[in-house]
Amino acid sequence: MVVFALCTWQVVTRGPVLAADERLGHQIRNSAFPEGLAEFLADAGGMLVGPVLLAALIVWQWWAARRRGGAPYWWALPLTTGLAMALVPPLVSLVKVLTDRPGPPVMGGSGFFPSGHAATACVAFGACVLLLRGASAAPRVWWWLVGLCVVFNAAVGYGLVRRGYHWPLDVVASWALGVFLLWGAVTVTRVLLRRRGGAQAS
C-alpha cells in the first residue's frame, strides 16, 4: 500500500514523478512494438479473461472438494480470493473519481488512474496461482506459474501503455493495489485456518 499511496500522492499533487511518467509513456507509445499484439495484451486484462478463468477454477475446486470429500475449510482461499476480485471494480472506480487524472492524448478525458485492466489481471491471475498452490501443486511448478504470472502482467501493462490507454504510473499503482488485495486474501485465509486449528486443539 505504500507504493500505491505514493503513486496516488504524485497524481493528486501533480508531483515531479508525473513528468517522467508521461515522458516514459510517450516513449512506449511511439515504440516499434506491434500495435496488434499490444491491443491483444491490453484486452487480456479485461473482465472476460482473468475473472472468468478465476471463477472456473473456483468452481473446479468446489467440484473436486465435493467429489473427494475435501479438507475442512477448503473454501477459505477460494472465498477470500473471490472477494479480492470483487473488490477491484469498486476500489478502482472510487480512486478514479477521487484523482481524476487526465488520460494520454490518444484517449483524452480524465479518470485514468489507476488502471482497471491492470488491477483486474493482477488479482485474477495472481489468485489463480494462489489457488493452484493451495491445490498442492509441486513447488517447482508453482514457481513457474508465479514467473509466468509476473511476465504476463508486465505484458498486459506494457500493452495498455503502448496503446495509449494508460500512463505507466497508472499501471504500477494497479499492480500495487492488486498485490495488496492478494496479500489480504492470503492473510484472512491463514487466520481462518489458524482458528480452525485452535478449535480442533481445544
N, C-alpha and C. Protein backbone atom coordinates (compact mmCIF):
# COMPACT_ATOMS: atom_id res chain seq x y z
N MET A 1 0.82 -1.21 0.00
CA MET A 1 0.00 0.00 0.00
C MET A 1 0.85 1.26 0.00
N VAL A 2 2.10 1.14 0.45
CA VAL A 2 2.99 2.31 0.43
C VAL A 2 3.21 2.77 -1.01
N VAL A 3 3.46 1.82 -1.90
CA VAL A 3 3.68 2.16 -3.31
C VAL A 3 2.42 2.78 -3.90
N PHE A 4 1.28 2.21 -3.60
CA PHE A 4 0.01 2.75 -4.11
C PHE A 4 -0.23 4.16 -3.58
N ALA A 5 0.05 4.36 -2.29
CA ALA A 5 -0.15 5.68 -1.68
C ALA A 5 0.79 6.71 -2.30
N LEU A 6 2.04 6.33 -2.55
CA LEU A 6 2.99 7.26 -3.16
C LEU A 6 2.57 7.63 -4.58
N CYS A 7 2.12 6.64 -5.34
CA CYS A 7 1.65 6.92 -6.71
C CYS A 7 0.46 7.86 -6.69
N THR A 8 -0.48 7.59 -5.79
CA THR A 8 -1.67 8.43 -5.69
C THR A 8 -1.32 9.84 -5.27
N TRP A 9 -0.39 9.96 -4.34
CA TRP A 9 0.06 11.28 -3.87
C TRP A 9 0.66 12.09 -5.02
N GLN A 10 1.46 11.43 -5.86
CA GLN A 10 2.06 12.13 -7.00
C GLN A 10 0.99 12.59 -7.99
N VAL A 11 -0.03 11.76 -8.20
CA VAL A 11 -1.09 12.13 -9.14
C VAL A 11 -1.91 13.29 -8.60
N VAL A 12 -2.28 13.22 -7.33
CA VAL A 12 -3.13 14.25 -6.74
C VAL A 12 -2.41 15.60 -6.68
N THR A 13 -1.12 15.58 -6.34
CA THR A 13 -0.37 16.82 -6.16
C THR A 13 0.35 17.26 -7.43
N ARG A 14 0.20 16.47 -8.51
CA ARG A 14 0.94 16.74 -9.75
C ARG A 14 2.42 16.85 -9.44
N GLY A 15 2.92 15.83 -8.74
CA GLY A 15 4.31 15.81 -8.32
C GLY A 15 5.30 15.64 -9.46
N PRO A 16 6.59 15.76 -9.15
CA PRO A 16 7.63 15.70 -10.19
C PRO A 16 7.71 14.37 -10.92
N VAL A 17 7.24 13.30 -10.28
CA VAL A 17 7.30 11.98 -10.93
C VAL A 17 6.43 11.94 -12.18
N LEU A 18 5.35 12.74 -12.20
CA LEU A 18 4.43 12.69 -13.33
C LEU A 18 5.09 13.10 -14.64
N ALA A 19 6.01 14.05 -14.60
CA ALA A 19 6.68 14.47 -15.83
C ALA A 19 7.48 13.32 -16.43
N ALA A 20 8.23 12.62 -15.57
CA ALA A 20 8.99 11.46 -16.05
C ALA A 20 8.06 10.34 -16.49
N ASP A 21 6.96 10.18 -15.77
CA ASP A 21 5.97 9.16 -16.11
C ASP A 21 5.38 9.40 -17.51
N GLU A 22 5.05 10.64 -17.79
CA GLU A 22 4.45 10.96 -19.09
C GLU A 22 5.47 10.87 -20.22
N ARG A 23 6.73 11.20 -19.93
CA ARG A 23 7.77 11.04 -20.95
C ARG A 23 7.95 9.57 -21.30
N LEU A 24 7.99 8.74 -20.26
CA LEU A 24 8.11 7.30 -20.50
C LEU A 24 6.91 6.77 -21.26
N GLY A 25 5.72 7.26 -20.92
CA GLY A 25 4.51 6.84 -21.61
C GLY A 25 4.57 7.17 -23.09
N HIS A 26 5.06 8.36 -23.42
CA HIS A 26 5.17 8.76 -24.83
C HIS A 26 6.20 7.89 -25.56
N GLN A 27 7.30 7.56 -24.88
CA GLN A 27 8.32 6.72 -25.49
C GLN A 27 7.77 5.33 -25.81
N ILE A 28 7.04 4.76 -24.86
CA ILE A 28 6.46 3.43 -25.09
C ILE A 28 5.40 3.50 -26.18
N ARG A 29 4.60 4.57 -26.16
CA ARG A 29 3.54 4.71 -27.16
C ARG A 29 4.12 4.80 -28.56
N ASN A 30 5.28 5.39 -28.72
CA ASN A 30 5.90 5.57 -30.03
C ASN A 30 6.93 4.49 -30.35
N SER A 31 6.96 3.42 -29.56
CA SER A 31 7.92 2.35 -29.80
C SER A 31 7.51 1.51 -31.00
N ALA A 32 8.39 0.60 -31.39
CA ALA A 32 8.13 -0.25 -32.55
C ALA A 32 7.35 -1.51 -32.20
N PHE A 33 6.96 -1.65 -30.95
CA PHE A 33 6.21 -2.84 -30.53
C PHE A 33 4.90 -2.92 -31.33
N PRO A 34 4.57 -4.08 -31.91
CA PRO A 34 3.38 -4.19 -32.77
C PRO A 34 2.10 -3.78 -32.06
N GLU A 35 1.33 -2.90 -32.68
CA GLU A 35 0.11 -2.41 -32.06
C GLU A 35 -0.94 -3.51 -31.91
N GLY A 36 -0.99 -4.43 -32.89
CA GLY A 36 -1.96 -5.52 -32.79
C GLY A 36 -1.70 -6.39 -31.57
N LEU A 37 -0.44 -6.73 -31.32
CA LEU A 37 -0.08 -7.53 -30.15
C LEU A 37 -0.33 -6.75 -28.87
N ALA A 38 -0.03 -5.44 -28.90
CA ALA A 38 -0.28 -4.60 -27.73
C ALA A 38 -1.76 -4.56 -27.40
N GLU A 39 -2.61 -4.47 -28.42
CA GLU A 39 -4.05 -4.46 -28.20
C GLU A 39 -4.51 -5.78 -27.60
N PHE A 40 -3.98 -6.89 -28.11
CA PHE A 40 -4.32 -8.22 -27.58
C PHE A 40 -3.94 -8.32 -26.11
N LEU A 41 -2.75 -7.85 -25.76
CA LEU A 41 -2.29 -7.91 -24.37
C LEU A 41 -3.14 -7.01 -23.48
N ALA A 42 -3.47 -5.83 -23.97
CA ALA A 42 -4.31 -4.92 -23.18
C ALA A 42 -5.68 -5.54 -22.92
N ASP A 43 -6.25 -6.16 -23.95
CA ASP A 43 -7.56 -6.79 -23.80
C ASP A 43 -7.52 -7.97 -22.83
N ALA A 44 -6.34 -8.60 -22.69
CA ALA A 44 -6.21 -9.74 -21.79
C ALA A 44 -6.43 -9.35 -20.33
N GLY A 45 -6.38 -8.06 -20.05
CA GLY A 45 -6.65 -7.60 -18.69
C GLY A 45 -8.11 -7.29 -18.43
N GLY A 46 -8.97 -7.58 -19.38
CA GLY A 46 -10.39 -7.27 -19.24
C GLY A 46 -11.13 -8.26 -18.34
N MET A 47 -12.37 -7.95 -18.08
CA MET A 47 -13.20 -8.76 -17.17
C MET A 47 -13.59 -10.10 -17.77
N LEU A 48 -13.43 -10.28 -19.07
CA LEU A 48 -13.85 -11.53 -19.72
C LEU A 48 -12.74 -12.56 -19.80
N VAL A 49 -11.59 -12.26 -19.24
CA VAL A 49 -10.47 -13.21 -19.31
C VAL A 49 -10.10 -13.71 -17.92
N GLY A 50 -9.35 -12.91 -17.16
CA GLY A 50 -8.90 -13.34 -15.84
C GLY A 50 -10.01 -13.72 -14.88
N PRO A 51 -11.01 -12.85 -14.68
CA PRO A 51 -12.09 -13.20 -13.74
C PRO A 51 -12.86 -14.45 -14.14
N VAL A 52 -13.05 -14.66 -15.43
CA VAL A 52 -13.74 -15.87 -15.89
C VAL A 52 -12.90 -17.11 -15.58
N LEU A 53 -11.58 -17.01 -15.82
CA LEU A 53 -10.69 -18.12 -15.50
C LEU A 53 -10.69 -18.39 -14.00
N LEU A 54 -10.67 -17.33 -13.20
CA LEU A 54 -10.69 -17.49 -11.74
C LEU A 54 -11.99 -18.15 -11.29
N ALA A 55 -13.12 -17.71 -11.84
CA ALA A 55 -14.40 -18.30 -11.48
C ALA A 55 -14.43 -19.78 -11.84
N ALA A 56 -13.90 -20.13 -13.01
CA ALA A 56 -13.87 -21.53 -13.44
C ALA A 56 -13.01 -22.37 -12.49
N LEU A 57 -11.89 -21.81 -12.05
CA LEU A 57 -11.00 -22.53 -11.14
C LEU A 57 -11.65 -22.71 -9.78
N ILE A 58 -12.39 -21.71 -9.31
CA ILE A 58 -13.10 -21.84 -8.02
C ILE A 58 -14.17 -22.92 -8.12
N VAL A 59 -14.92 -22.92 -9.22
CA VAL A 59 -15.95 -23.95 -9.42
C VAL A 59 -15.31 -25.33 -9.48
N TRP A 60 -14.18 -25.44 -10.17
CA TRP A 60 -13.49 -26.74 -10.26
C TRP A 60 -13.04 -27.21 -8.88
N GLN A 61 -12.53 -26.30 -8.06
CA GLN A 61 -12.09 -26.70 -6.72
C GLN A 61 -13.27 -27.11 -5.86
N TRP A 62 -14.40 -26.41 -6.02
CA TRP A 62 -15.62 -26.81 -5.30
C TRP A 62 -16.06 -28.20 -5.72
N TRP A 63 -16.06 -28.45 -7.02
CA TRP A 63 -16.46 -29.75 -7.53
C TRP A 63 -15.53 -30.86 -7.05
N ALA A 64 -14.20 -30.58 -7.08
CA ALA A 64 -13.23 -31.57 -6.63
C ALA A 64 -13.37 -31.85 -5.15
N ALA A 65 -13.59 -30.80 -4.35
CA ALA A 65 -13.74 -30.98 -2.90
C ALA A 65 -15.01 -31.78 -2.59
N ARG A 66 -16.07 -31.53 -3.31
CA ARG A 66 -17.32 -32.25 -3.09
C ARG A 66 -17.20 -33.71 -3.49
N ARG A 67 -16.47 -33.96 -4.57
CA ARG A 67 -16.34 -35.33 -5.07
C ARG A 67 -15.42 -36.16 -4.19
N ARG A 68 -14.34 -35.55 -3.72
CA ARG A 68 -13.33 -36.29 -2.97
C ARG A 68 -13.45 -36.12 -1.46
N GLY A 69 -14.40 -35.32 -1.04
CA GLY A 69 -14.51 -35.06 0.39
C GLY A 69 -13.35 -34.20 0.85
N GLY A 70 -13.28 -32.98 0.31
CA GLY A 70 -12.16 -32.08 0.57
C GLY A 70 -11.96 -31.79 2.05
N ALA A 71 -10.76 -31.31 2.37
CA ALA A 71 -10.43 -30.99 3.75
C ALA A 71 -11.31 -29.85 4.26
N PRO A 72 -11.55 -29.82 5.58
CA PRO A 72 -12.32 -28.69 6.14
C PRO A 72 -11.65 -27.35 5.80
N TYR A 73 -12.49 -26.38 5.60
CA TYR A 73 -12.03 -25.03 5.26
C TYR A 73 -11.33 -24.97 3.89
N TRP A 74 -11.62 -25.93 3.03
CA TRP A 74 -11.05 -25.88 1.68
C TRP A 74 -11.52 -24.62 0.94
N TRP A 75 -12.66 -24.10 1.38
CA TRP A 75 -13.28 -22.97 0.72
C TRP A 75 -12.65 -21.63 1.10
N ALA A 76 -11.76 -21.63 2.11
CA ALA A 76 -11.25 -20.37 2.65
C ALA A 76 -10.52 -19.55 1.57
N LEU A 77 -9.56 -20.15 0.90
CA LEU A 77 -8.80 -19.40 -0.10
C LEU A 77 -9.64 -19.05 -1.33
N PRO A 78 -10.45 -19.98 -1.86
CA PRO A 78 -11.34 -19.57 -2.96
C PRO A 78 -12.26 -18.41 -2.59
N LEU A 79 -12.76 -18.41 -1.36
CA LEU A 79 -13.66 -17.34 -0.92
C LEU A 79 -12.92 -16.01 -0.83
N THR A 80 -11.76 -15.99 -0.19
CA THR A 80 -11.05 -14.73 0.01
C THR A 80 -10.50 -14.17 -1.31
N THR A 81 -10.02 -15.04 -2.19
CA THR A 81 -9.55 -14.54 -3.48
C THR A 81 -10.71 -14.06 -4.33
N GLY A 82 -11.86 -14.73 -4.23
CA GLY A 82 -13.04 -14.26 -4.95
C GLY A 82 -13.49 -12.89 -4.45
N LEU A 83 -13.43 -12.69 -3.14
CA LEU A 83 -13.77 -11.38 -2.58
C LEU A 83 -12.77 -10.31 -3.03
N ALA A 84 -11.49 -10.68 -3.08
CA ALA A 84 -10.47 -9.73 -3.55
C ALA A 84 -10.78 -9.30 -4.98
N MET A 85 -11.18 -10.25 -5.81
CA MET A 85 -11.53 -9.93 -7.20
C MET A 85 -12.75 -9.03 -7.25
N ALA A 86 -13.72 -9.29 -6.39
CA ALA A 86 -14.95 -8.49 -6.38
C ALA A 86 -14.70 -7.06 -5.91
N LEU A 87 -13.64 -6.86 -5.13
CA LEU A 87 -13.33 -5.52 -4.62
C LEU A 87 -12.64 -4.63 -5.66
N VAL A 88 -12.09 -5.24 -6.70
CA VAL A 88 -11.32 -4.46 -7.68
C VAL A 88 -12.16 -3.37 -8.35
N PRO A 89 -13.31 -3.70 -8.96
CA PRO A 89 -14.06 -2.64 -9.66
C PRO A 89 -14.46 -1.45 -8.78
N PRO A 90 -15.05 -1.68 -7.57
CA PRO A 90 -15.44 -0.51 -6.78
C PRO A 90 -14.25 0.31 -6.28
N LEU A 91 -13.15 -0.36 -5.91
CA LEU A 91 -11.98 0.38 -5.43
C LEU A 91 -11.36 1.21 -6.54
N VAL A 92 -11.21 0.59 -7.71
CA VAL A 92 -10.62 1.31 -8.85
C VAL A 92 -11.52 2.49 -9.24
N SER A 93 -12.81 2.25 -9.28
CA SER A 93 -13.74 3.33 -9.66
C SER A 93 -13.68 4.48 -8.67
N LEU A 94 -13.59 4.16 -7.38
CA LEU A 94 -13.53 5.20 -6.35
C LEU A 94 -12.28 6.06 -6.51
N VAL A 95 -11.12 5.40 -6.71
CA VAL A 95 -9.88 6.15 -6.85
C VAL A 95 -9.87 6.97 -8.14
N LYS A 96 -10.46 6.44 -9.20
CA LYS A 96 -10.55 7.20 -10.45
C LYS A 96 -11.31 8.50 -10.23
N VAL A 97 -12.41 8.43 -9.49
CA VAL A 97 -13.21 9.62 -9.23
C VAL A 97 -12.45 10.61 -8.36
N LEU A 98 -11.75 10.10 -7.35
CA LEU A 98 -11.05 10.99 -6.42
C LEU A 98 -9.83 11.65 -7.05
N THR A 99 -9.14 10.95 -7.94
CA THR A 99 -7.92 11.51 -8.53
C THR A 99 -8.19 12.26 -9.83
N ASP A 100 -9.10 11.71 -10.65
CA ASP A 100 -9.50 12.36 -11.91
C ASP A 100 -8.29 12.72 -12.77
N ARG A 101 -7.39 11.77 -12.95
CA ARG A 101 -6.18 12.04 -13.73
C ARG A 101 -6.48 12.07 -15.23
N PRO A 102 -5.97 13.06 -15.94
CA PRO A 102 -6.14 13.08 -17.41
C PRO A 102 -5.46 11.89 -18.05
N GLY A 103 -6.07 11.37 -19.10
CA GLY A 103 -5.50 10.24 -19.81
C GLY A 103 -4.49 10.67 -20.84
N PRO A 104 -3.83 9.71 -21.49
CA PRO A 104 -2.90 10.03 -22.58
C PRO A 104 -3.63 10.75 -23.71
N PRO A 105 -2.90 11.49 -24.54
CA PRO A 105 -3.54 12.26 -25.62
C PRO A 105 -4.41 11.41 -26.54
N VAL A 106 -4.04 10.15 -26.73
CA VAL A 106 -4.83 9.27 -27.61
C VAL A 106 -6.24 9.12 -27.09
N MET A 107 -6.37 9.07 -25.77
CA MET A 107 -7.68 8.83 -25.17
C MET A 107 -8.41 10.12 -24.84
N GLY A 108 -7.69 11.10 -24.26
CA GLY A 108 -8.34 12.32 -23.81
C GLY A 108 -9.19 12.04 -22.58
N GLY A 109 -9.88 13.06 -22.10
CA GLY A 109 -10.73 12.87 -20.93
C GLY A 109 -9.91 12.71 -19.66
N SER A 110 -10.56 12.21 -18.62
CA SER A 110 -9.90 12.04 -17.33
C SER A 110 -10.45 10.81 -16.63
N GLY A 111 -9.88 10.52 -15.44
CA GLY A 111 -10.30 9.35 -14.69
C GLY A 111 -9.56 8.09 -15.13
N PHE A 112 -8.25 8.21 -15.32
CA PHE A 112 -7.47 7.07 -15.83
C PHE A 112 -6.56 6.44 -14.77
N PHE A 113 -6.61 6.96 -13.56
CA PHE A 113 -5.74 6.42 -12.50
C PHE A 113 -6.61 5.81 -11.41
N PRO A 114 -6.35 4.54 -11.06
CA PRO A 114 -5.40 3.58 -11.65
C PRO A 114 -6.04 2.83 -12.82
N SER A 115 -5.32 1.86 -13.36
CA SER A 115 -5.81 1.09 -14.49
C SER A 115 -6.67 -0.09 -14.01
N GLY A 116 -7.91 -0.10 -14.42
CA GLY A 116 -8.78 -1.22 -14.06
C GLY A 116 -8.34 -2.52 -14.69
N HIS A 117 -7.87 -2.46 -15.95
CA HIS A 117 -7.42 -3.68 -16.63
C HIS A 117 -6.19 -4.28 -15.94
N ALA A 118 -5.23 -3.42 -15.57
CA ALA A 118 -4.02 -3.91 -14.91
C ALA A 118 -4.35 -4.51 -13.55
N ALA A 119 -5.22 -3.87 -12.78
CA ALA A 119 -5.60 -4.38 -11.47
C ALA A 119 -6.36 -5.70 -11.61
N THR A 120 -7.26 -5.77 -12.60
CA THR A 120 -8.03 -7.00 -12.82
C THR A 120 -7.11 -8.16 -13.16
N ALA A 121 -6.17 -7.94 -14.07
CA ALA A 121 -5.25 -9.01 -14.46
C ALA A 121 -4.38 -9.43 -13.28
N CYS A 122 -3.90 -8.47 -12.51
CA CYS A 122 -3.04 -8.78 -11.37
C CYS A 122 -3.76 -9.66 -10.35
N VAL A 123 -4.96 -9.26 -9.97
CA VAL A 123 -5.70 -10.01 -8.95
C VAL A 123 -6.21 -11.34 -9.49
N ALA A 124 -6.77 -11.34 -10.68
CA ALA A 124 -7.36 -12.56 -11.22
C ALA A 124 -6.32 -13.64 -11.45
N PHE A 125 -5.26 -13.31 -12.17
CA PHE A 125 -4.25 -14.33 -12.46
C PHE A 125 -3.41 -14.65 -11.24
N GLY A 126 -3.18 -13.65 -10.39
CA GLY A 126 -2.48 -13.93 -9.14
C GLY A 126 -3.29 -14.86 -8.25
N ALA A 127 -4.60 -14.65 -8.20
CA ALA A 127 -5.46 -15.52 -7.40
C ALA A 127 -5.46 -16.95 -7.96
N CYS A 128 -5.43 -17.08 -9.28
CA CYS A 128 -5.38 -18.42 -9.88
C CYS A 128 -4.11 -19.15 -9.45
N VAL A 129 -2.99 -18.43 -9.43
CA VAL A 129 -1.73 -19.04 -9.00
C VAL A 129 -1.82 -19.46 -7.53
N LEU A 130 -2.42 -18.63 -6.69
CA LEU A 130 -2.57 -18.97 -5.27
C LEU A 130 -3.46 -20.20 -5.09
N LEU A 131 -4.53 -20.28 -5.87
CA LEU A 131 -5.43 -21.43 -5.76
C LEU A 131 -4.74 -22.71 -6.20
N LEU A 132 -3.92 -22.63 -7.23
CA LEU A 132 -3.18 -23.81 -7.67
C LEU A 132 -2.15 -24.22 -6.62
N ARG A 133 -1.58 -23.24 -5.95
CA ARG A 133 -0.66 -23.53 -4.85
C ARG A 133 -1.42 -24.22 -3.72
N GLY A 134 -2.64 -23.71 -3.43
CA GLY A 134 -3.46 -24.33 -2.40
C GLY A 134 -3.91 -25.73 -2.76
N ALA A 135 -3.94 -26.04 -4.06
CA ALA A 135 -4.32 -27.37 -4.52
C ALA A 135 -3.12 -28.31 -4.53
N SER A 136 -2.05 -27.91 -3.85
CA SER A 136 -0.86 -28.73 -3.67
C SER A 136 -0.08 -28.96 -4.96
N ALA A 137 0.02 -27.92 -5.76
CA ALA A 137 0.88 -28.01 -6.94
C ALA A 137 2.33 -28.16 -6.50
N ALA A 138 3.11 -28.89 -7.27
CA ALA A 138 4.52 -29.09 -6.93
C ALA A 138 5.22 -27.74 -6.82
N PRO A 139 6.13 -27.58 -5.84
CA PRO A 139 6.80 -26.28 -5.65
C PRO A 139 7.45 -25.74 -6.91
N ARG A 140 8.12 -26.62 -7.68
CA ARG A 140 8.77 -26.14 -8.91
C ARG A 140 7.73 -25.63 -9.91
N VAL A 141 6.62 -26.36 -10.03
CA VAL A 141 5.56 -25.93 -10.94
C VAL A 141 4.97 -24.60 -10.47
N TRP A 142 4.79 -24.48 -9.16
CA TRP A 142 4.20 -23.25 -8.62
C TRP A 142 5.08 -22.04 -8.91
N TRP A 143 6.38 -22.19 -8.77
CA TRP A 143 7.28 -21.07 -9.03
C TRP A 143 7.28 -20.71 -10.51
N TRP A 144 7.15 -21.70 -11.38
CA TRP A 144 7.00 -21.41 -12.80
C TRP A 144 5.73 -20.61 -13.05
N LEU A 145 4.66 -20.99 -12.36
CA LEU A 145 3.40 -20.26 -12.52
C LEU A 145 3.53 -18.83 -12.02
N VAL A 146 4.24 -18.63 -10.92
CA VAL A 146 4.47 -17.28 -10.40
C VAL A 146 5.23 -16.45 -11.45
N GLY A 147 6.28 -17.05 -12.01
CA GLY A 147 7.04 -16.34 -13.03
C GLY A 147 6.21 -15.99 -14.25
N LEU A 148 5.39 -16.93 -14.70
CA LEU A 148 4.52 -16.66 -15.85
C LEU A 148 3.51 -15.57 -15.54
N CYS A 149 3.00 -15.57 -14.30
CA CYS A 149 2.02 -14.56 -13.90
C CYS A 149 2.66 -13.17 -13.91
N VAL A 150 3.88 -13.07 -13.41
CA VAL A 150 4.58 -11.78 -13.39
C VAL A 150 4.84 -11.29 -14.81
N VAL A 151 5.34 -12.19 -15.67
CA VAL A 151 5.63 -11.81 -17.06
C VAL A 151 4.35 -11.40 -17.78
N PHE A 152 3.29 -12.17 -17.56
CA PHE A 152 2.02 -11.87 -18.23
C PHE A 152 1.48 -10.51 -17.80
N ASN A 153 1.53 -10.22 -16.51
CA ASN A 153 1.03 -8.94 -16.03
C ASN A 153 1.88 -7.78 -16.54
N ALA A 154 3.19 -8.01 -16.63
CA ALA A 154 4.06 -6.97 -17.21
C ALA A 154 3.69 -6.72 -18.67
N ALA A 155 3.38 -7.80 -19.39
CA ALA A 155 2.99 -7.66 -20.80
C ALA A 155 1.67 -6.92 -20.94
N VAL A 156 0.71 -7.23 -20.06
CA VAL A 156 -0.58 -6.52 -20.09
C VAL A 156 -0.36 -5.03 -19.83
N GLY A 157 0.45 -4.72 -18.82
CA GLY A 157 0.73 -3.32 -18.52
C GLY A 157 1.40 -2.60 -19.67
N TYR A 158 2.36 -3.28 -20.31
CA TYR A 158 3.04 -2.67 -21.45
C TYR A 158 2.06 -2.44 -22.59
N GLY A 159 1.19 -3.41 -22.82
CA GLY A 159 0.20 -3.25 -23.88
C GLY A 159 -0.73 -2.07 -23.63
N LEU A 160 -1.12 -1.88 -22.38
CA LEU A 160 -2.00 -0.77 -22.04
C LEU A 160 -1.34 0.58 -22.32
N VAL A 161 -0.06 0.68 -21.99
CA VAL A 161 0.67 1.93 -22.22
C VAL A 161 0.97 2.10 -23.71
N ARG A 162 1.36 1.01 -24.36
CA ARG A 162 1.69 1.08 -25.79
C ARG A 162 0.49 1.54 -26.62
N ARG A 163 -0.70 1.12 -26.26
CA ARG A 163 -1.89 1.51 -27.00
C ARG A 163 -2.40 2.89 -26.59
N GLY A 164 -1.77 3.48 -25.57
CA GLY A 164 -2.18 4.81 -25.15
C GLY A 164 -3.40 4.82 -24.26
N TYR A 165 -3.71 3.69 -23.63
CA TYR A 165 -4.87 3.63 -22.75
C TYR A 165 -4.56 4.14 -21.35
N HIS A 166 -3.29 4.07 -20.95
CA HIS A 166 -2.89 4.48 -19.60
C HIS A 166 -1.46 5.00 -19.61
N TRP A 167 -1.13 5.76 -18.56
CA TRP A 167 0.24 6.12 -18.28
C TRP A 167 0.90 4.99 -17.48
N PRO A 168 2.23 4.87 -17.51
CA PRO A 168 2.90 3.81 -16.75
C PRO A 168 2.56 3.82 -15.26
N LEU A 169 2.45 5.03 -14.67
CA LEU A 169 2.17 5.11 -13.23
C LEU A 169 0.79 4.55 -12.90
N ASP A 170 -0.16 4.67 -13.82
CA ASP A 170 -1.49 4.08 -13.62
C ASP A 170 -1.37 2.56 -13.43
N VAL A 171 -0.51 1.98 -14.25
CA VAL A 171 -0.33 0.52 -14.22
C VAL A 171 0.40 0.08 -12.95
N VAL A 172 1.46 0.81 -12.60
CA VAL A 172 2.24 0.47 -11.40
C VAL A 172 1.35 0.54 -10.16
N ALA A 173 0.53 1.57 -10.06
CA ALA A 173 -0.37 1.71 -8.92
C ALA A 173 -1.36 0.55 -8.86
N SER A 174 -1.83 0.10 -10.01
CA SER A 174 -2.76 -1.02 -10.05
C SER A 174 -2.12 -2.31 -9.60
N TRP A 175 -0.86 -2.51 -10.00
CA TRP A 175 -0.14 -3.69 -9.51
C TRP A 175 -0.01 -3.65 -7.99
N ALA A 176 0.32 -2.49 -7.45
CA ALA A 176 0.47 -2.36 -6.00
C ALA A 176 -0.86 -2.66 -5.30
N LEU A 177 -1.95 -2.13 -5.84
CA LEU A 177 -3.27 -2.39 -5.26
C LEU A 177 -3.61 -3.87 -5.36
N GLY A 178 -3.32 -4.47 -6.51
CA GLY A 178 -3.62 -5.89 -6.70
C GLY A 178 -2.85 -6.78 -5.74
N VAL A 179 -1.55 -6.50 -5.58
CA VAL A 179 -0.73 -7.29 -4.65
C VAL A 179 -1.26 -7.15 -3.23
N PHE A 180 -1.67 -5.94 -2.86
CA PHE A 180 -2.22 -5.73 -1.52
C PHE A 180 -3.50 -6.56 -1.31
N LEU A 181 -4.37 -6.59 -2.30
CA LEU A 181 -5.61 -7.36 -2.19
C LEU A 181 -5.32 -8.86 -2.08
N LEU A 182 -4.34 -9.34 -2.84
CA LEU A 182 -3.97 -10.75 -2.76
C LEU A 182 -3.34 -11.07 -1.41
N TRP A 183 -2.52 -10.16 -0.92
CA TRP A 183 -1.94 -10.35 0.41
C TRP A 183 -3.04 -10.42 1.46
N GLY A 184 -4.05 -9.55 1.33
CA GLY A 184 -5.17 -9.58 2.26
C GLY A 184 -5.91 -10.90 2.20
N ALA A 185 -6.10 -11.44 0.99
CA ALA A 185 -6.80 -12.72 0.84
C ALA A 185 -6.03 -13.84 1.52
N VAL A 186 -4.72 -13.86 1.34
CA VAL A 186 -3.89 -14.90 1.97
C VAL A 186 -3.89 -14.74 3.49
N THR A 187 -3.82 -13.50 3.96
CA THR A 187 -3.79 -13.26 5.40
C THR A 187 -5.08 -13.71 6.07
N VAL A 188 -6.22 -13.36 5.48
CA VAL A 188 -7.51 -13.78 6.04
C VAL A 188 -7.63 -15.30 6.02
N THR A 189 -7.16 -15.93 4.96
CA THR A 189 -7.21 -17.39 4.87
C THR A 189 -6.39 -18.02 5.99
N ARG A 190 -5.21 -17.48 6.22
CA ARG A 190 -4.36 -18.02 7.30
C ARG A 190 -5.02 -17.85 8.66
N VAL A 191 -5.70 -16.74 8.87
CA VAL A 191 -6.41 -16.52 10.14
C VAL A 191 -7.50 -17.57 10.31
N LEU A 192 -8.27 -17.82 9.25
CA LEU A 192 -9.33 -18.81 9.31
C LEU A 192 -8.77 -20.20 9.61
N LEU A 193 -7.68 -20.57 8.96
CA LEU A 193 -7.08 -21.88 9.18
C LEU A 193 -6.48 -21.98 10.57
N ARG A 194 -5.93 -20.88 11.07
CA ARG A 194 -5.37 -20.88 12.42
C ARG A 194 -6.47 -21.08 13.45
N ARG A 195 -7.61 -20.43 13.23
CA ARG A 195 -8.74 -20.59 14.14
C ARG A 195 -9.27 -22.01 14.10
N ARG A 196 -9.28 -22.58 12.91
CA ARG A 196 -9.72 -23.97 12.76
C ARG A 196 -8.81 -24.89 13.55
N GLY A 197 -7.47 -24.63 13.44
CA GLY A 197 -6.51 -25.45 14.18
C GLY A 197 -6.68 -25.29 15.67
N GLY A 198 -6.94 -24.05 16.13
CA GLY A 198 -7.16 -23.82 17.55
C GLY A 198 -8.41 -24.49 18.05
N ALA A 199 -9.48 -24.47 17.23
CA ALA A 199 -10.73 -25.10 17.63
C ALA A 199 -10.56 -26.61 17.75
N GLN A 200 -9.78 -27.20 16.86
CA GLN A 200 -9.57 -28.64 16.91
C GLN A 200 -8.73 -29.02 18.13
N ALA A 201 -7.76 -28.14 18.44
CA ALA A 201 -6.89 -28.43 19.58
C ALA A 201 -7.67 -28.38 20.90
N SER A 202 -8.67 -27.46 20.95
CA SER A 202 -9.43 -27.34 22.19
C SER A 202 -10.47 -28.45 22.29
